N, C-alpha and C. Protein backbone atom coordinates (compact mmCIF):
# COMPACT_ATOMS: atom_id res chain seq x y z
N LEU A 1 -3.86 1.31 11.54
CA LEU A 1 -3.88 2.69 11.14
C LEU A 1 -2.95 2.94 9.96
N ARG A 2 -1.77 2.34 9.98
CA ARG A 2 -0.85 2.52 8.85
C ARG A 2 -1.42 1.90 7.58
N ILE A 3 -2.02 0.73 7.72
CA ILE A 3 -2.59 0.06 6.55
C ILE A 3 -3.75 0.88 6.01
N ALA A 4 -4.58 1.45 6.87
CA ALA A 4 -5.69 2.30 6.43
C ALA A 4 -5.16 3.51 5.66
N SER A 5 -4.10 4.11 6.14
CA SER A 5 -3.49 5.24 5.44
C SER A 5 -2.96 4.81 4.08
N ALA A 6 -2.31 3.66 4.05
CA ALA A 6 -1.78 3.14 2.78
C ALA A 6 -2.91 2.88 1.79
N LYS A 7 -4.02 2.33 2.28
CA LYS A 7 -5.16 2.07 1.40
C LYS A 7 -5.67 3.36 0.78
N ARG A 8 -5.79 4.41 1.59
CA ARG A 8 -6.25 5.70 1.05
C ARG A 8 -5.30 6.21 -0.03
N MET A 9 -4.00 6.08 0.20
CA MET A 9 -3.02 6.53 -0.80
C MET A 9 -3.11 5.70 -2.07
N LEU A 10 -3.28 4.40 -1.93
CA LEU A 10 -3.39 3.54 -3.10
C LEU A 10 -4.65 3.84 -3.90
N GLU A 11 -5.70 4.26 -3.23
CA GLU A 11 -6.98 4.56 -3.88
C GLU A 11 -6.95 5.88 -4.64
N SER A 12 -6.08 6.80 -4.22
CA SER A 12 -6.23 8.16 -4.72
C SER A 12 -5.04 8.77 -5.45
N ASN A 13 -3.93 8.07 -5.56
CA ASN A 13 -2.82 8.70 -6.27
C ASN A 13 -1.90 7.67 -6.90
N HIS A 14 -0.90 8.16 -7.60
CA HIS A 14 0.01 7.30 -8.34
C HIS A 14 1.39 7.23 -7.71
N ARG A 15 1.48 7.44 -6.41
CA ARG A 15 2.77 7.34 -5.74
C ARG A 15 3.30 5.91 -5.85
N SER A 16 4.61 5.79 -5.86
CA SER A 16 5.21 4.46 -5.94
C SER A 16 5.00 3.71 -4.63
N MET A 17 5.19 2.40 -4.68
CA MET A 17 5.06 1.60 -3.46
C MET A 17 6.09 2.05 -2.43
N GLN A 18 7.30 2.39 -2.90
CA GLN A 18 8.33 2.85 -1.97
C GLN A 18 7.90 4.14 -1.28
N GLU A 19 7.33 5.07 -2.04
CA GLU A 19 6.87 6.34 -1.45
C GLU A 19 5.75 6.10 -0.43
N ILE A 20 4.82 5.23 -0.76
CA ILE A 20 3.72 4.93 0.16
C ILE A 20 4.25 4.23 1.39
N SER A 21 5.12 3.26 1.18
CA SER A 21 5.73 2.54 2.30
C SER A 21 6.43 3.50 3.25
N ASP A 22 7.23 4.39 2.70
CA ASP A 22 7.93 5.40 3.52
C ASP A 22 6.94 6.31 4.24
N ALA A 23 5.90 6.73 3.53
CA ALA A 23 4.93 7.67 4.10
C ALA A 23 4.19 7.09 5.31
N VAL A 24 3.97 5.80 5.30
CA VAL A 24 3.26 5.18 6.42
C VAL A 24 4.20 4.57 7.46
N GLY A 25 5.50 4.78 7.26
CA GLY A 25 6.47 4.41 8.30
C GLY A 25 7.18 3.08 8.15
N TYR A 26 7.14 2.49 6.96
CA TYR A 26 7.86 1.25 6.71
C TYR A 26 8.99 1.53 5.74
N GLN A 27 10.22 1.36 6.18
CA GLN A 27 11.38 1.62 5.33
C GLN A 27 11.61 0.49 4.32
N ASP A 28 11.18 -0.70 4.65
CA ASP A 28 11.39 -1.87 3.80
C ASP A 28 10.11 -2.14 3.00
N VAL A 29 10.14 -1.86 1.71
CA VAL A 29 8.94 -1.99 0.89
C VAL A 29 8.47 -3.45 0.80
N ALA A 30 9.39 -4.40 0.83
CA ALA A 30 8.99 -5.82 0.79
C ALA A 30 8.20 -6.18 2.05
N PHE A 31 8.64 -5.68 3.19
CA PHE A 31 7.91 -5.93 4.43
C PHE A 31 6.53 -5.28 4.37
N PHE A 32 6.46 -4.06 3.85
CA PHE A 32 5.18 -3.36 3.70
C PHE A 32 4.23 -4.18 2.83
N ARG A 33 4.71 -4.67 1.69
CA ARG A 33 3.86 -5.45 0.79
C ARG A 33 3.32 -6.71 1.49
N THR A 34 4.21 -7.40 2.21
CA THR A 34 3.81 -8.61 2.93
C THR A 34 2.77 -8.30 4.00
N LEU A 35 3.02 -7.27 4.77
CA LEU A 35 2.10 -6.88 5.83
C LEU A 35 0.75 -6.44 5.26
N PHE A 36 0.79 -5.65 4.19
CA PHE A 36 -0.45 -5.19 3.55
C PHE A 36 -1.28 -6.39 3.09
N GLN A 37 -0.63 -7.34 2.44
CA GLN A 37 -1.36 -8.51 1.95
C GLN A 37 -1.90 -9.35 3.10
N ARG A 38 -1.15 -9.46 4.16
CA ARG A 38 -1.60 -10.22 5.33
C ARG A 38 -2.86 -9.59 5.93
N HIS A 39 -2.93 -8.27 5.94
CA HIS A 39 -4.06 -7.57 6.56
C HIS A 39 -5.27 -7.44 5.63
N THR A 40 -5.04 -7.35 4.32
CA THR A 40 -6.15 -7.10 3.40
C THR A 40 -6.53 -8.29 2.53
N GLY A 41 -5.62 -9.25 2.41
CA GLY A 41 -5.89 -10.41 1.56
C GLY A 41 -5.50 -10.21 0.11
N VAL A 42 -5.02 -9.03 -0.24
CA VAL A 42 -4.56 -8.74 -1.60
C VAL A 42 -3.27 -7.93 -1.53
N SER A 43 -2.50 -7.98 -2.60
CA SER A 43 -1.27 -7.20 -2.64
C SER A 43 -1.61 -5.72 -2.83
N PRO A 44 -0.69 -4.83 -2.50
CA PRO A 44 -0.95 -3.41 -2.73
C PRO A 44 -1.25 -3.11 -4.21
N SER A 45 -0.54 -3.77 -5.11
CA SER A 45 -0.78 -3.55 -6.54
C SER A 45 -2.18 -3.98 -6.95
N ALA A 46 -2.61 -5.14 -6.48
CA ALA A 46 -3.96 -5.62 -6.79
C ALA A 46 -5.01 -4.69 -6.18
N TYR A 47 -4.75 -4.21 -4.98
CA TYR A 47 -5.68 -3.28 -4.34
C TYR A 47 -5.81 -2.02 -5.18
N ARG A 48 -4.69 -1.49 -5.65
CA ARG A 48 -4.69 -0.27 -6.47
C ARG A 48 -5.46 -0.49 -7.77
N GLU A 49 -5.30 -1.65 -8.38
CA GLU A 49 -5.98 -1.95 -9.65
C GLU A 49 -7.49 -1.89 -9.52
N ARG A 50 -8.01 -2.19 -8.34
CA ARG A 50 -9.46 -2.11 -8.12
C ARG A 50 -9.99 -0.70 -8.37
N PHE A 51 -9.12 0.29 -8.24
CA PHE A 51 -9.53 1.68 -8.39
C PHE A 51 -9.10 2.26 -9.73
N GLY A 52 -8.64 1.40 -10.62
CA GLY A 52 -8.29 1.83 -11.96
C GLY A 52 -7.06 2.71 -12.04
N LEU A 53 -6.18 2.61 -11.07
CA LEU A 53 -4.97 3.43 -11.08
C LEU A 53 -3.77 2.61 -11.49
């Protein structure tokens, strides 16, 4: 559920990774990035690039 929320934020706005990480309940942005990549197969930045943001 947190990763799904993060995906929606990455698709639709220009919030920083720290802001998105905080918004979905992860205080450590490095942990968030690792977890996101583990679940999706791509980094949050690469995921965002797919949407031209």
